[in-house]
Amino acid sequence: MARNKIYTFDQYFNEAIKDEGFRKAWEKEEPKYLLAKAIIQKRLAKKMSQRELAKKAKTSQAIISNIETMNANPSINQINKIAKALGSKLVVSFK
């Protein structure tokens, strides 16, 4: 009987990033991922729902959902409103 091998996400990612096509796609989407991750972590730490965050940021829950699922390209203005609603300050840097 064959056994399924279990991989962690990190193991999968470290293998997948070696593929040039995957790496290029990741490099393109990584900023969206990092933004979504930061918003989700901050929102959950504050025990806020998407709806509560949307209300404070004067936007819709659908917009927050789209940003968190990387299905949107929010403006700096939108991101700044979300940061303020989370009690945070938007910091932008280039590496």
PDB file of N, CA and C in Angstrom:
ATOM      1  N   MET A   1       0.839  -1.180   0.000  1.00  0.00           N
ATOM      2  CA  MET A   1       0.000   0.000   0.000  1.00  0.00           C
ATOM      3  C   MET A   1       0.885   1.245   0.000  1.00  0.00           C
ATOM      4  N   ALA A   2       0.644   2.134  -0.928  1.00  0.00           N
ATOM      5  CA  ALA A   2       1.433   3.365  -1.037  1.00  0.00           C
ATOM      6  C   ALA A   2       0.993   4.359   0.031  1.00  0.00           C
ATOM      7  N   ARG A   3       1.967   5.023   0.619  1.00  0.00           N
ATOM      8  CA  ARG A   3       1.661   6.030   1.630  1.00  0.00           C
ATOM      9  C   ARG A   3       1.879   7.407   1.020  1.00  0.00           C
ATOM     10  N   ASN A   4       0.977   8.285   1.336  1.00  0.00           N
ATOM     11  CA  ASN A   4       1.121   9.664   0.882  1.00  0.00           C
ATOM     12  C   ASN A   4       2.142  10.366   1.752  1.00  0.00           C
ATOM     13  N   LYS A   5       3.063  11.059   1.112  1.00  0.00           N
ATOM     14  CA  LYS A   5       4.055  11.817   1.855  1.00  0.00           C
ATOM     15  C   LYS A   5       3.467  13.187   2.174  1.00  0.00           C
ATOM     16  N   ILE A   6       3.654  13.640   3.389  1.00  0.00           N
ATOM     17  CA  ILE A   6       3.112  14.923   3.812  1.00  0.00           C
ATOM     18  C   ILE A   6       4.210  15.978   3.715  1.00  0.00           C
ATOM     19  N   TYR A   7       3.882  17.096   3.075  1.00  0.00           N
ATOM     20  CA  TYR A   7       4.801  18.208   2.923  1.00  0.00           C
ATOM     21  C   TYR A   7       4.242  19.427   3.651  1.00  0.00           C
ATOM     22  N   THR A   8       5.139  20.201   4.195  1.00  0.00           N
ATOM     23  CA  THR A   8       4.716  21.482   4.758  1.00  0.00           C
ATOM     24  C   THR A   8       4.650  22.487   3.623  1.00  0.00           C
ATOM     25  N   PHE A   9       3.989  23.610   3.878  1.00  0.00           N
ATOM     26  CA  PHE A   9       3.947  24.666   2.871  1.00  0.00           C
ATOM     27  C   PHE A   9       5.358  25.146   2.546  1.00  0.00           C
ATOM     28  N   ASP A  10       6.179  25.322   3.570  1.00  0.00           N
ATOM     29  CA  ASP A  10       7.550  25.797   3.345  1.00  0.00           C
ATOM     30  C   ASP A  10       8.343  24.842   2.469  1.00  0.00           C
ATOM     31  N   GLN A  11       8.183  23.544   2.679  1.00  0.00           N
ATOM     32  CA  GLN A  11       8.869  22.563   1.841  1.00  0.00           C
ATOM     33  C   GLN A  11       8.391  22.674   0.394  1.00  0.00           C
ATOM     34  N   TYR A  12       7.084  22.775   0.222  1.00  0.00           N
ATOM     35  CA  TYR A  12       6.528  22.916  -1.122  1.00  0.00           C
ATOM     36  C   TYR A  12       7.036  24.189  -1.782  1.00  0.00           C
ATOM     37  N   PHE A  13       6.972  25.301  -1.056  1.00  0.00           N
ATOM     38  CA  PHE A  13       7.380  26.585  -1.609  1.00  0.00           C
ATOM     39  C   PHE A  13       8.856  26.569  -1.994  1.00  0.00           C
ATOM     40  N   ASN A  14       9.707  26.034  -1.132  1.00  0.00           N
ATOM     41  CA  ASN A  14      11.146  25.987  -1.418  1.00  0.00           C
ATOM     42  C   ASN A  14      11.456  25.159  -2.661  1.00  0.00           C
ATOM     43  N   GLU A  15      10.652  24.152  -2.934  1.00  0.00           N
ATOM     44  CA  GLU A  15      10.812  23.368  -4.159  1.00  0.00           C
ATOM     45  C   GLU A  15      10.254  24.127  -5.357  1.00  0.00           C
ATOM     46  N   ALA A  16       9.062  24.683  -5.201  1.00  0.00           N
ATOM     47  CA  ALA A  16       8.381  25.364  -6.310  1.00  0.00           C
ATOM     48  C   ALA A  16       9.143  26.593  -6.783  1.00  0.00           C
ATOM     49  N   ILE A  17       9.784  27.316  -5.873  1.00  0.00           N
ATOM     50  CA  ILE A  17      10.468  28.565  -6.238  1.00  0.00           C
ATOM     51  C   ILE A  17      11.661  28.301  -7.159  1.00  0.00           C
ATOM     52  N   LYS A  18      12.103  27.064  -7.220  1.00  0.00           N
ATOM     53  CA  LYS A  18      13.215  26.697  -8.118  1.00  0.00           C
ATOM     54  C   LYS A  18      12.779  26.719  -9.581  1.00  0.00           C
ATOM     55  N   ASP A  19      11.473  26.581  -9.807  1.00  0.00           N
ATOM     56  CA  ASP A  19      10.931  26.609 -11.166  1.00  0.00           C
ATOM     57  C   ASP A  19      10.857  28.057 -11.645  1.00  0.00           C
ATOM     58  N   GLU A  20      11.439  28.350 -12.807  1.00  0.00           N
ATOM     59  CA  GLU A  20      11.507  29.726 -13.298  1.00  0.00           C
ATOM     60  C   GLU A  20      10.127  30.353 -13.490  1.00  0.00           C
ATOM     61  N   GLY A  21       9.183  29.602 -14.034  1.00  0.00           N
ATOM     62  CA  GLY A  21       7.837  30.136 -14.251  1.00  0.00           C
ATOM     63  C   GLY A  21       7.158  30.490 -12.942  1.00  0.00           C
ATOM     64  N   PHE A  22       7.272  29.593 -11.967  1.00  0.00           N
ATOM     65  CA  PHE A  22       6.684  29.856 -10.651  1.00  0.00           C
ATOM     66  C   PHE A  22       7.364  31.059 -10.005  1.00  0.00           C
ATOM     67  N   ARG A  23       8.687  31.107 -10.083  1.00  0.00           N
ATOM     68  CA  ARG A  23       9.441  32.199  -9.465  1.00  0.00           C
ATOM     69  C   ARG A  23       9.027  33.558 -10.040  1.00  0.00           C
ATOM     70  N   LYS A  24       8.873  33.629 -11.357  1.00  0.00           N
ATOM     71  CA  LYS A  24       8.457  34.887 -11.988  1.00  0.00           C
ATOM     72  C   LYS A  24       7.050  35.288 -11.546  1.00  0.00           C
ATOM     73  N   ALA A  25       6.153  34.308 -11.484  1.00  0.00           N
ATOM     74  CA  ALA A  25       4.779  34.592 -11.047  1.00  0.00           C
ATOM     75  C   ALA A  25       4.780  35.043  -9.584  1.00  0.00           C
ATOM     76  N   TRP A  26       5.590  34.399  -8.747  1.00  0.00           N
ATOM     77  CA  TRP A  26       5.676  34.766  -7.330  1.00  0.00           C
ATOM     78  C   TRP A  26       6.212  36.182  -7.176  1.00  0.00           C
ATOM     79  N   GLU A  27       7.258  36.509  -7.914  1.00  0.00           N
ATOM     80  CA  GLU A  27       7.846  37.845  -7.812  1.00  0.00           C
ATOM     81  C   GLU A  27       6.826  38.923  -8.180  1.00  0.00           C
ATOM     82  N   LYS A  28       5.968  38.620  -9.134  1.00  0.00           N
ATOM     83  CA  LYS A  28       4.934  39.566  -9.541  1.00  0.00           C
ATOM     84  C   LYS A  28       3.864  39.718  -8.463  1.00  0.00           C
ATOM     85  N   GLU A  29       3.480  38.639  -7.803  1.00  0.00           N
ATOM     86  CA  GLU A  29       2.379  38.645  -6.844  1.00  0.00           C
ATOM     87  C   GLU A  29       2.813  38.847  -5.393  1.00  0.00           C
ATOM     88  N   GLU A  30       4.089  38.754  -5.105  1.00  0.00           N
ATOM     89  CA  GLU A  30       4.557  38.832  -3.716  1.00  0.00           C
ATOM     90  C   GLU A  30       4.126  40.105  -2.988  1.00  0.00           C
ATOM     91  N   PRO A  31       4.191  41.287  -3.613  1.00  0.00           N
ATOM     92  CA  PRO A  31       3.730  42.484  -2.886  1.00  0.00           C
ATOM     93  C   PRO A  31       2.263  42.394  -2.448  1.00  0.00           C
ATOM     94  N   LYS A  32       1.401  41.851  -3.312  1.00  0.00           N
ATOM     95  CA  LYS A  32      -0.008  41.672  -2.942  1.00  0.00           C
ATOM     96  C   LYS A  32      -0.125  40.711  -1.761  1.00  0.00           C
ATOM     97  N   TYR A  33       0.665  39.635  -1.812  1.00  0.00           N
ATOM     98  CA  TYR A  33       0.639  38.652  -0.727  1.00  0.00           C
ATOM     99  C   TYR A  33       1.077  39.284   0.591  1.00  0.00           C
ATOM    100  N   LEU A  34       2.159  40.034   0.558  1.00  0.00           N
ATOM    101  CA  LEU A  34       2.671  40.655   1.780  1.00  0.00           C
ATOM    102  C   LEU A  34       1.681  41.672   2.346  1.00  0.00           C
ATOM    103  N   LEU A  35       1.039  42.434   1.471  1.00  0.00           N
ATOM    104  CA  LEU A  35       0.029  43.391   1.913  1.00  0.00           C
ATOM    105  C   LEU A  35      -1.153  42.660   2.547  1.00  0.00           C
ATOM    106  N   ALA A  36      -1.671  41.651   1.856  1.00  0.00           N
ATOM    107  CA  ALA A  36      -2.810  40.885   2.369  1.00  0.00           C
ATOM    108  C   ALA A  36      -2.464  40.261   3.718  1.00  0.00           C
ATOM    109  N   LYS A  37      -1.296  39.666   3.805  1.00  0.00           N
ATOM    110  CA  LYS A  37      -0.860  39.019   5.049  1.00  0.00           C
ATOM    111  C   LYS A  37      -0.794  40.034   6.193  1.00  0.00           C
ATOM    112  N   ALA A  38      -0.224  41.202   5.929  1.00  0.00           N
ATOM    113  CA  ALA A  38      -0.091  42.236   6.969  1.00  0.00           C
ATOM    114  C   ALA A  38      -1.463  42.712   7.449  1.00  0.00           C
ATOM    115  N   ILE A  39      -2.380  42.944   6.516  1.00  0.00           N
ATOM    116  CA  ILE A  39      -3.723  43.407   6.889  1.00  0.00           C
ATOM    117  C   ILE A  39      -4.440  42.342   7.699  1.00  0.00           C
ATOM    118  N   ILE A  40      -4.393  41.108   7.235  1.00  0.00           N
ATOM    119  CA  ILE A  40      -5.073  40.021   7.946  1.00  0.00           C
ATOM    120  C   ILE A  40      -4.509  39.864   9.352  1.00  0.00           C
ATOM    121  N   GLN A  41      -3.184  39.838   9.473  1.00  0.00           N
ATOM    122  CA  GLN A  41      -2.570  39.667  10.795  1.00  0.00           C
ATOM    123  C   GLN A  41      -2.961  40.793  11.742  1.00  0.00           C
ATOM    124  N   LYS A  42      -2.911  42.016  11.263  1.00  0.00           N
ATOM    125  CA  LYS A  42      -3.246  43.169  12.108  1.00  0.00           C
ATOM    126  C   LYS A  42      -4.727  43.144  12.484  1.00  0.00           C
ATOM    127  N   ARG A  43      -5.585  42.835  11.503  1.00  0.00           N
ATOM    128  CA  ARG A  43      -7.032  42.794  11.754  1.00  0.00           C
ATOM    129  C   ARG A  43      -7.375  41.719  12.780  1.00  0.00           C
ATOM    130  N   LEU A  44      -6.793  40.542  12.629  1.00  0.00           N
ATOM    131  CA  LEU A  44      -7.067  39.454  13.567  1.00  0.00           C
ATOM    132  C   LEU A  44      -6.509  39.762  14.958  1.00  0.00           C
ATOM    133  N   ALA A  45      -5.342  40.396  15.013  1.00  0.00           N
ATOM    134  CA  ALA A  45      -4.757  40.771  16.306  1.00  0.00           C
ATOM    135  C   ALA A  45      -5.664  41.751  17.045  1.00  0.00           C
ATOM    136  N   LYS A  46      -6.379  42.573  16.277  1.00  0.00           N
ATOM    137  CA  LYS A  46      -7.308  43.548  16.870  1.00  0.00           C
ATOM    138  C   LYS A  46      -8.708  42.963  17.052  1.00  0.00           C
ATOM    139  N   LYS A  47      -8.837  41.665  16.705  1.00  0.00           N
ATOM    140  CA  LYS A  47     -10.122  40.958  16.823  1.00  0.00           C
ATOM    141  C   LYS A  47     -11.235  41.684  16.064  1.00  0.00           C
ATOM    142  N   MET A  48     -10.901  42.125  14.859  1.00  0.00           N
ATOM    143  CA  MET A  48     -11.859  42.839  14.014  1.00  0.00           C
ATOM    144  C   MET A  48     -12.322  41.938  12.883  1.00  0.00           C
ATOM    145  N   SER A  49     -13.568  42.078  12.505  1.00  0.00           N
ATOM    146  CA  SER A  49     -14.073  41.395  11.318  1.00  0.00           C
ATOM    147  C   SER A  49     -13.758  42.268  10.102  1.00  0.00           C
ATOM    148  N   GLN A  50     -13.894  41.686   8.939  1.00  0.00           N
ATOM    149  CA  GLN A  50     -13.723  42.472   7.713  1.00  0.00           C
ATOM    150  C   GLN A  50     -14.742  43.598   7.674  1.00  0.00           C
ATOM    151  N   ARG A  51     -15.954  43.311   8.113  1.00  0.00           N
ATOM    152  CA  ARG A  51     -17.021  44.313   8.106  1.00  0.00           C
ATOM    153  C   ARG A  51     -16.662  45.486   9.019  1.00  0.00           C
ATOM    154  N   GLU A  52     -16.148  45.186  10.219  1.00  0.00           N
ATOM    155  CA  GLU A  52     -15.759  46.248  11.155  1.00  0.00           C
ATOM    156  C   GLU A  52     -14.619  47.096  10.588  1.00  0.00           C
ATOM    157  N   LEU A  53     -13.652  46.422   9.990  1.00  0.00           N
ATOM    158  CA  LEU A  53     -12.546  47.162   9.380  1.00  0.00           C
ATOM    159  C   LEU A  53     -13.046  48.040   8.247  1.00  0.00           C
ATOM    160  N   ALA A  54     -13.906  47.499   7.416  1.00  0.00           N
ATOM    161  CA  ALA A  54     -14.454  48.260   6.290  1.00  0.00           C
ATOM    162  C   ALA A  54     -15.179  49.514   6.772  1.00  0.00           C
ATOM    163  N   LYS A  55     -15.959  49.364   7.817  1.00  0.00           N
ATOM    164  CA  LYS A  55     -16.708  50.509   8.352  1.00  0.00           C
ATOM    165  C   LYS A  55     -15.746  51.593   8.827  1.00  0.00           C
ATOM    166  N   LYS A  56     -14.709  51.195   9.564  1.00  0.00           N
ATOM    167  CA  LYS A  56     -13.731  52.166  10.069  1.00  0.00           C
ATOM    168  C   LYS A  56     -12.936  52.818   8.929  1.00  0.00           C
ATOM    169  N   ALA A  57     -12.686  52.053   7.867  1.00  0.00           N
ATOM    170  CA  ALA A  57     -11.911  52.564   6.738  1.00  0.00           C
ATOM    171  C   ALA A  57     -12.789  53.249   5.691  1.00  0.00           C
ATOM    172  N   LYS A  58     -14.095  53.297   5.967  1.00  0.00           N
ATOM    173  CA  LYS A  58     -15.060  53.922   5.051  1.00  0.00           C
ATOM    174  C   LYS A  58     -15.009  53.294   3.653  1.00  0.00           C
ATOM    175  N   THR A  59     -15.081  51.969   3.651  1.00  0.00           N
ATOM    176  CA  THR A  59     -15.132  51.214   2.404  1.00  0.00           C
ATOM    177  C   THR A  59     -16.083  50.042   2.624  1.00  0.00           C
ATOM    178  N   SER A  60     -16.119  49.110   1.708  1.00  0.00           N
ATOM    179  CA  SER A  60     -17.028  47.970   1.841  1.00  0.00           C
ATOM    180  C   SER A  60     -16.270  46.726   2.300  1.00  0.00           C
ATOM    181  N   GLN A  61     -17.033  45.808   2.862  1.00  0.00           N
ATOM    182  CA  GLN A  61     -16.450  44.525   3.272  1.00  0.00           C
ATOM    183  C   GLN A  61     -15.922  43.786   2.053  1.00  0.00           C
ATOM    184  N   ALA A  62     -16.598  43.926   0.916  1.00  0.00           N
ATOM    185  CA  ALA A  62     -16.147  43.262  -0.319  1.00  0.00           C
ATOM    186  C   ALA A  62     -14.759  43.750  -0.739  1.00  0.00           C
ATOM    187  N   ILE A  63     -14.512  45.044  -0.579  1.00  0.00           N
ATOM    188  CA  ILE A  63     -13.190  45.594  -0.917  1.00  0.00           C
ATOM    189  C   ILE A  63     -12.132  44.990  -0.003  1.00  0.00           C
ATOM    190  N   ILE A  64     -12.413  44.927   1.299  1.00  0.00           N
ATOM    191  CA  ILE A  64     -11.456  44.338   2.245  1.00  0.00           C
ATOM    192  C   ILE A  64     -11.207  42.876   1.875  1.00  0.00           C
ATOM    193  N   SER A  65     -12.259  42.149   1.586  1.00  0.00           N
ATOM    194  CA  SER A  65     -12.131  40.745   1.187  1.00  0.00           C
ATOM    195  C   SER A  65     -11.274  40.610  -0.073  1.00  0.00           C
ATOM    196  N   ASN A  66     -11.538  41.449  -1.064  1.00  0.00           N
ATOM    197  CA  ASN A  66     -10.757  41.378  -2.311  1.00  0.00           C
ATOM    198  C   ASN A  66      -9.287  41.675  -2.082  1.00  0.00           C
ATOM    199  N   ILE A  67      -8.979  42.609  -1.208  1.00  0.00           N
ATOM    200  CA  ILE A  67      -7.581  42.918  -0.901  1.00  0.00           C
ATOM    201  C   ILE A  67      -6.946  41.733  -0.168  1.00  0.00           C
ATOM    202  N   GLU A  68      -7.664  41.182   0.807  1.00  0.00           N
ATOM    203  CA  GLU A  68      -7.122  40.075   1.590  1.00  0.00           C
ATOM    204  C   GLU A  68      -6.961  38.797   0.780  1.00  0.00           C
ATOM    205  N   THR A  69      -7.727  38.638  -0.281  1.00  0.00           N
ATOM    206  CA  THR A  69      -7.598  37.453  -1.131  1.00  0.00           C
ATOM    207  C   THR A  69      -6.788  37.748  -2.395  1.00  0.00           C
ATOM    208  N   MET A  70      -6.150  38.896  -2.413  1.00  0.00           N
ATOM    209  CA  MET A  70      -5.267  39.311  -3.507  1.00  0.00           C
ATOM    210  C   MET A  70      -6.001  39.433  -4.838  1.00  0.00           C
ATOM    211  N   ASN A  71      -7.269  39.818  -4.779  1.00  0.00           N
ATOM    212  CA  ASN A  71      -8.062  40.004  -5.990  1.00  0.00           C
ATOM    213  C   ASN A  71      -8.316  41.474  -6.283  1.00  0.00           C
ATOM    214  N   ALA A  72      -7.455  42.336  -5.758  1.00  0.00           N
ATOM    215  CA  ALA A  72      -7.623  43.775  -5.965  1.00  0.00           C
ATOM    216  C   ALA A  72      -6.251  44.427  -6.025  1.00  0.00           C
ATOM    217  N   ASN A  73      -6.212  45.564  -6.655  1.00  0.00           N
ATOM    218  CA  ASN A  73      -5.018  46.407  -6.678  1.00  0.00           C
ATOM    219  C   ASN A  73      -5.396  47.728  -6.010  1.00  0.00           C
ATOM    220  N   PRO A  74      -5.358  47.745  -4.677  1.00  0.00           N
ATOM    221  CA  PRO A  74      -5.808  48.943  -3.974  1.00  0.00           C
ATOM    222  C   PRO A  74      -4.872  50.122  -4.187  1.00  0.00           C
ATOM    223  N   SER A  75      -5.436  51.303  -4.121  1.00  0.00           N
ATOM    224  CA  SER A  75      -4.630  52.513  -4.232  1.00  0.00           C
ATOM    225  C   SER A  75      -3.895  52.751  -2.916  1.00  0.00           C
ATOM    226  N   ILE A  76      -2.872  53.579  -2.974  1.00  0.00           N
ATOM    227  CA  ILE A  76      -2.150  53.967  -1.761  1.00  0.00           C
ATOM    228  C   ILE A  76      -3.132  54.622  -0.789  1.00  0.00           C
ATOM    229  N   ASN A  77      -4.042  55.415  -1.308  1.00  0.00           N
ATOM    230  CA  ASN A  77      -5.044  56.075  -0.477  1.00  0.00           C
ATOM    231  C   ASN A  77      -5.883  55.040   0.278  1.00  0.00           C
ATOM    232  N   GLN A  78      -6.339  53.991  -0.421  1.00  0.00           N
ATOM    233  CA  GLN A  78      -7.126  52.936   0.224  1.00  0.00           C
ATOM    234  C   GLN A  78      -6.308  52.230   1.298  1.00  0.00           C
ATOM    235  N   ILE A  79      -5.069  51.897   0.972  1.00  0.00           N
ATOM    236  CA  ILE A  79      -4.214  51.190   1.927  1.00  0.00           C
ATOM    237  C   ILE A  79      -3.969  52.068   3.153  1.00  0.00           C
ATOM    238  N   ASN A  80      -3.780  53.346   2.935  1.00  0.00           N
ATOM    239  CA  ASN A  80      -3.550  54.270   4.045  1.00  0.00           C
ATOM    240  C   ASN A  80      -4.784  54.349   4.948  1.00  0.00           C
ATOM    241  N   LYS A  81      -5.981  54.384   4.360  1.00  0.00           N
ATOM    242  CA  LYS A  81      -7.217  54.400   5.149  1.00  0.00           C
ATOM    243  C   LYS A  81      -7.347  53.125   5.980  1.00  0.00           C
ATOM    244  N   ILE A  82      -6.981  52.001   5.387  1.00  0.00           N
ATOM    245  CA  ILE A  82      -7.042  50.724   6.101  1.00  0.00           C
ATOM    246  C   ILE A  82      -6.033  50.724   7.241  1.00  0.00           C
ATOM    247  N   ALA A  83      -4.840  51.211   6.978  1.00  0.00           N
ATOM    248  CA  ALA A  83      -3.808  51.282   8.024  1.00  0.00           C
ATOM    249  C   ALA A  83      -4.298  52.123   9.205  1.00  0.00           C
ATOM    250  N   LYS A  84      -4.858  53.278   8.909  1.00  0.00           N
ATOM    251  CA  LYS A  84      -5.373  54.149   9.975  1.00  0.00           C
ATOM    252  C   LYS A  84      -6.499  53.468  10.736  1.00  0.00           C
ATOM    253  N   ALA A  85      -7.384  52.779  10.019  1.00  0.00           N
ATOM    254  CA  ALA A  85      -8.498  52.079  10.668  1.00  0.00           C
ATOM    255  C   ALA A  85      -7.985  50.964  11.585  1.00  0.00           C
ATOM    256  N   LEU A  86      -6.803  50.451  11.276  1.00  0.00           N
ATOM    257  CA  LEU A  86      -6.188  49.413  12.103  1.00  0.00           C
ATOM    258  C   LEU A  86      -5.319  50.012  13.208  1.00  0.00           C
ATOM    259  N   GLY A  87      -5.291  51.339  13.283  1.00  0.00           N
ATOM    260  CA  GLY A  87      -4.460  51.998  14.293  1.00  0.00           C
ATOM    261  C   GLY A  87      -2.990  51.904  13.965  1.00  0.00           C
ATOM    262  N   SER A  88      -2.679  51.838  12.671  1.00  0.00           N
ATOM    263  CA  SER A  88      -1.310  51.694  12.209  1.00  0.00           C
ATOM    264  C   SER A  88      -0.920  52.825  11.284  1.00  0.00           C
ATOM    265  N   LYS A  89       0.330  52.848  10.933  1.00  0.00           N
ATOM    266  CA  LYS A  89       0.841  53.844   9.981  1.00  0.00           C
ATOM    267  C   LYS A  89       1.385  53.084   8.780  1.00  0.00           C
ATOM    268  N   LEU A  90       1.035  53.532   7.598  1.00  0.00           N
ATOM    269  CA  LEU A  90       1.539  52.947   6.380  1.00  0.00           C
ATOM    270  C   LEU A  90       3.000  53.337   6.195  1.00  0.00           C
ATOM    271  N   VAL A  91       3.856  52.349   5.989  1.00  0.00           N
ATOM    272  CA  VAL A  91       5.283  52.593   5.746  1.00  0.00           C
ATOM    273  C   VAL A  91       5.624  51.920   4.418  1.00  0.00           C
ATOM    274  N   VAL A  92       6.217  52.663   3.504  1.00  0.00           N
ATOM    275  CA  VAL A  92       6.578  52.136   2.192  1.00  0.00           C
ATOM    276  C   VAL A  92       8.090  52.162   2.065  1.00  0.00           C
ATOM    277  N   SER A  93       8.648  51.084   1.528  1.00  0.00           N
ATOM    278  CA  SER A  93      10.094  51.067   1.312  1.00  0.00           C
ATOM    279  C   SER A  93      10.419  50.306   0.038  1.00  0.00           C
ATOM    280  N   PHE A  94      11.578  50.566  -0.481  1.00  0.00           N
ATOM    281  CA  PHE A  94      12.085  49.864  -1.657  1.00  0.00           C
ATOM    282  C   PHE A  94      13.357  49.134  -1.235  1.00  0.00           C
ATOM    283  N   LYS A  95      13.519  47.925  -1.720  1.00  0.00           N
ATOM    284  CA  LYS A  95      14.721  47.136  -1.398  1.00  0.00           C
ATOM    285  C   LYS A  95      15.529  46.889  -2.647  1.00  0.00           C
TER     286      LYS A  95
END
